[in-house]
Amino acid sequence: MLDLHDLPAADMIREGLADLAARRESVASYLVQIGSLKMRRCGIEVAVSAEDALDADHRLYALLGREHGNDAHRHYNSLLRELVSFERALVSRHERLQKAR
C-alpha cells in the first residue's frame, strides 16, 4: 500500500478505512466509499461493494443532516473538497511511483 502519511486528509482516510473494516458507519467511512474507485486504482484495498460506493454520498449527506441540521450542505461540500485534495495527491504520488519503476 502507498504511504499516506503526508497526504491531505490522510488521517481521516485511515480512520475511514478502519471504520469500513470494522463495519462502522461514519463520516470517514462514507468518504472512503465515495473515493474507493480512485483509491483502488492506486493500490489501496477498500472493502466496499460497488452498490455501497454508489450510494455513499447520499448516506453521508443524511448522516451530516442528523449531526448538523441546516449546516449539512456546508459540511458535505467541505468534506468532498478534502476528499478531492486527497485523491489528487494520491494519484500524483501513484503516478510518480509508477514512472520510477
Protein backbone atom coordinates (compact mmCIF):
# COMPACT_ATOMS: atom_id res chain seq x y z
CA MET A 1 0.00 0.00 0.00
CA LEU A 2 1.11 3.55 -0.69
CA ASP A 3 2.46 5.69 2.11
CA LEU A 4 -0.34 8.11 3.00
CA HIS A 5 1.23 9.91 5.96
CA ASP A 6 1.70 13.36 4.42
CA LEU A 7 -1.25 13.45 2.02
CA PRO A 8 -4.10 15.89 2.69
CA ALA A 9 -6.82 14.34 4.88
CA ALA A 10 -4.73 11.17 5.33
CA ASP A 11 -5.80 10.79 8.97
CA MET A 12 -9.47 10.88 8.00
CA ILE A 13 -8.89 8.37 5.18
CA ARG A 14 -7.06 5.98 7.51
CA GLU A 15 -9.90 6.35 10.01
CA GLY A 16 -12.41 5.61 7.25
CA LEU A 17 -10.54 2.50 6.14
CA ALA A 18 -10.51 1.26 9.74
CA ASP A 19 -14.20 2.05 10.17
CA LEU A 20 -15.04 0.18 6.97
CA ALA A 21 -13.04 -2.83 8.09
CA ALA A 22 -14.98 -2.78 11.39
CA ARG A 23 -18.28 -2.17 9.53
CA ARG A 24 -18.83 1.15 11.31
CA GLU A 25 -20.88 3.82 9.60
CA SER A 26 -19.08 7.14 9.95
CA VAL A 27 -18.34 10.30 8.02
CA ALA A 28 -14.85 8.97 7.33
CA SER A 29 -16.06 5.56 6.12
CA TYR A 30 -18.53 7.19 3.74
CA LEU A 31 -15.79 9.40 2.31
CA VAL A 32 -13.61 6.36 1.71
CA GLN A 33 -16.51 4.64 -0.01
CA ILE A 34 -17.06 7.68 -2.24
CA GLY A 35 -13.37 7.71 -3.20
CA SER A 36 -12.95 3.94 -3.35
CA LEU A 37 -12.57 3.68 -7.13
CA LYS A 38 -9.57 6.02 -7.28
CA MET A 39 -8.10 4.50 -4.15
CA ARG A 40 -8.30 1.01 -5.63
CA ARG A 41 -6.66 2.22 -8.85
CA CYS A 42 -3.78 3.44 -6.72
CA GLY A 43 -3.39 0.15 -4.85
CA ILE A 44 -5.37 0.84 -1.69
CA GLU A 45 -7.65 -2.04 -0.74
CA VAL A 46 -11.12 -0.78 0.09
CA ALA A 47 -13.64 -3.29 1.41
CA VAL A 48 -16.82 -1.91 -0.15
CA SER A 49 -19.25 -3.15 -2.77
CA ALA A 50 -19.99 -1.16 -5.91
CA GLU A 51 -23.57 -0.59 -4.74
CA ASP A 52 -22.45 0.78 -1.39
CA ALA A 53 -19.91 3.05 -3.07
CA LEU A 54 -22.57 4.46 -5.39
CA ASP A 55 -24.93 5.25 -2.51
CA ALA A 56 -22.31 6.52 -0.06
CA ASP A 57 -22.78 10.19 -0.94
CA HIS A 58 -26.48 10.02 -0.04
CA ARG A 59 -25.75 8.22 3.22
CA LEU A 60 -23.04 10.74 4.07
CA TYR A 61 -25.41 13.64 3.48
CA ALA A 62 -28.11 12.01 5.60
CA LEU A 63 -25.63 11.47 8.46
CA LEU A 64 -24.47 15.08 8.23
CA GLY A 65 -28.10 16.20 8.25
CA ARG A 66 -28.65 14.37 11.53
CA GLU A 67 -25.46 15.81 13.02
CA HIS A 68 -25.54 19.36 11.66
CA GLY A 69 -29.11 20.09 10.58
CA ASN A 70 -29.24 23.08 8.24
CA ASP A 71 -25.44 23.23 8.07
CA ALA A 72 -25.22 19.77 6.47
CA HIS A 73 -24.64 21.13 2.96
CA ARG A 74 -21.67 23.25 4.05
CA HIS A 75 -20.08 20.31 5.87
CA TYR A 76 -20.76 17.97 2.95
CA ASN A 77 -19.07 20.31 0.47
CA SER A 78 -16.11 20.83 2.78
CA LEU A 79 -15.61 17.09 3.21
CA LEU A 80 -15.80 16.47 -0.52
CA ARG A 81 -13.16 19.15 -1.12
CA GLU A 82 -10.91 17.35 1.37
CA LEU A 83 -11.52 14.06 -0.40
CA VAL A 84 -10.71 15.58 -3.79
CA SER A 85 -7.46 17.03 -2.39
CA PHE A 86 -6.54 13.62 -1.03
CA GLU A 87 -7.37 11.90 -4.33
CA ARG A 88 -5.32 14.34 -6.40
CA ALA A 89 -2.31 13.93 -4.15
CA LEU A 90 -2.74 10.15 -4.10
CA VAL A 91 -2.98 9.87 -7.88
CA SER A 92 0.04 12.12 -8.29
CA ARG A 93 2.10 10.01 -5.88
CA HIS A 94 0.94 6.79 -7.52
CA GLU A 95 1.89 8.06 -11.00
CA ARG A 96 5.33 9.17 -9.79
CA LEU A 97 5.95 5.75 -8.28
CA GLN A 98 4.82 4.02 -11.47
CA LYS A 99 7.19 6.12 -13.59
CA ALA A 100 10.08 5.37 -11.23
CA ARG A 101 9.68 1.63 -11.73
